[in-house]
Every structure is written in structure tokens, then in C-alpha cells.
Amino acid sequence: MKKNDSQEFLIKLKNEAKLISSLEKDKFVPDRLSVVANFIATHAWQILLVLAFITSLFWELLLYQGNNG
């Protein structure tokens, strides 16, 4: 029984290794954009905060223009 479980585990492990190997070969982001993608992934909240500030500033200055009605 234990030998069968260990064989199944090894088969699953090999399949997982093949999957990871194929994912490493096919890149999701090109090399030129990898630095930018890593920066965005690392600083996601900070980027969202800056984008929210820019959007609200754009809305206030260009669309709303200080009119109260």
C-alpha cells in the first residue's frame, strides 16, 4: 500500500515538474517589459494610489472645473 502511494506521489511530482518547466519556457511578459511588470507587481498599491490621485486631479481640473451646479 505504501509503495503504491509513493509511486502515485512520484508520478504527480513528475507531472507537476513538467508543467512548471513548460511554464518557464513560455514567458507571459516579454523580456523588455519584465522590469516594468516586476515593479508593478511589487508596488501594486502604490501604483493604484498614484493612478487614483491622477484620475481625481484630472476629474477636478478638466471635467468638473470647480462648477457647483
Protein backbone atom coordinates (compact mmCIF):
# COMPACT_ATOMS: atom_id res chain seq x y z
CA MET A 1 0.00 0.00 0.00
CA LYS A 2 2.77 2.48 0.90
CA LYS A 3 4.69 1.61 -2.25
CA ASN A 4 1.64 2.40 -4.36
CA ASP A 5 1.15 5.75 -2.62
CA SER A 6 4.76 6.70 -3.12
CA GLN A 7 4.54 5.73 -6.82
CA GLU A 8 1.45 7.90 -7.25
CA PHE A 9 3.21 10.76 -5.49
CA LEU A 10 6.23 10.43 -7.77
CA ILE A 11 4.01 10.42 -10.86
CA LYS A 12 2.20 13.56 -9.66
CA LEU A 13 5.53 15.18 -8.85
CA LYS A 14 6.90 14.44 -12.32
CA ASN A 15 3.76 15.82 -13.96
CA GLU A 16 3.99 18.97 -11.87
CA ALA A 17 7.66 19.37 -12.79
CA LYS A 18 6.78 19.06 -16.49
CA LEU A 19 4.08 21.71 -16.10
CA ILE A 20 6.43 24.12 -14.32
CA SER A 21 9.11 23.50 -16.93
CA SER A 22 6.70 24.31 -19.76
CA LEU A 23 5.53 27.46 -17.97
CA GLU A 24 9.12 28.65 -17.59
CA LYS A 25 9.76 28.19 -21.30
CA ASP A 26 6.71 30.20 -22.40
CA LYS A 27 7.09 33.69 -21.00
CA PHE A 28 3.95 35.64 -20.17
CA VAL A 29 5.70 39.03 -20.35
CA PRO A 30 8.40 39.81 -22.92
CA ASP A 31 11.93 40.46 -21.66
CA ARG A 32 11.68 44.17 -22.46
CA LEU A 33 8.70 44.57 -20.14
CA SER A 34 9.79 42.24 -17.37
CA VAL A 35 11.35 45.03 -15.29
CA VAL A 36 8.16 47.09 -15.53
CA ALA A 37 5.98 44.07 -14.77
CA ASN A 38 8.08 43.21 -11.71
CA PHE A 39 7.88 46.80 -10.48
CA ILE A 40 4.09 46.86 -10.89
CA ALA A 41 3.72 43.51 -9.16
CA THR A 42 5.90 44.62 -6.27
CA HIS A 43 4.36 48.08 -5.81
CA ALA A 44 0.74 47.46 -6.81
CA TRP A 45 -0.90 49.52 -4.02
CA GLN A 46 1.41 52.46 -4.54
CA ILE A 47 0.68 52.48 -8.27
CA LEU A 48 -3.07 52.29 -7.64
CA LEU A 49 -2.79 55.20 -5.23
CA VAL A 50 -0.93 57.34 -7.77
CA LEU A 51 -3.42 56.42 -10.51
CA ALA A 52 -6.33 57.30 -8.23
CA PHE A 53 -4.74 60.67 -7.44
CA ILE A 54 -4.12 61.44 -11.12
CA THR A 55 -7.66 60.42 -12.04
CA SER A 56 -9.22 62.57 -9.33
CA LEU A 57 -6.99 65.51 -10.28
CA PHE A 58 -7.97 65.09 -13.93
CA TRP A 59 -11.63 64.92 -12.95
CA GLU A 60 -11.41 68.05 -10.79
CA LEU A 61 -9.36 70.22 -13.13
CA LEU A 62 -10.60 69.29 -16.57
CA LEU A 63 -14.09 67.87 -16.21
CA TYR A 64 -15.56 69.41 -13.10
CA GLN A 65 -13.79 72.81 -13.38
CA GLY A 66 -14.99 73.95 -9.97
CA ASN A 67 -18.61 74.50 -11.02
CA ASN A 68 -21.10 73.88 -8.24
CA GLY A 69 -24.09 73.21 -10.31
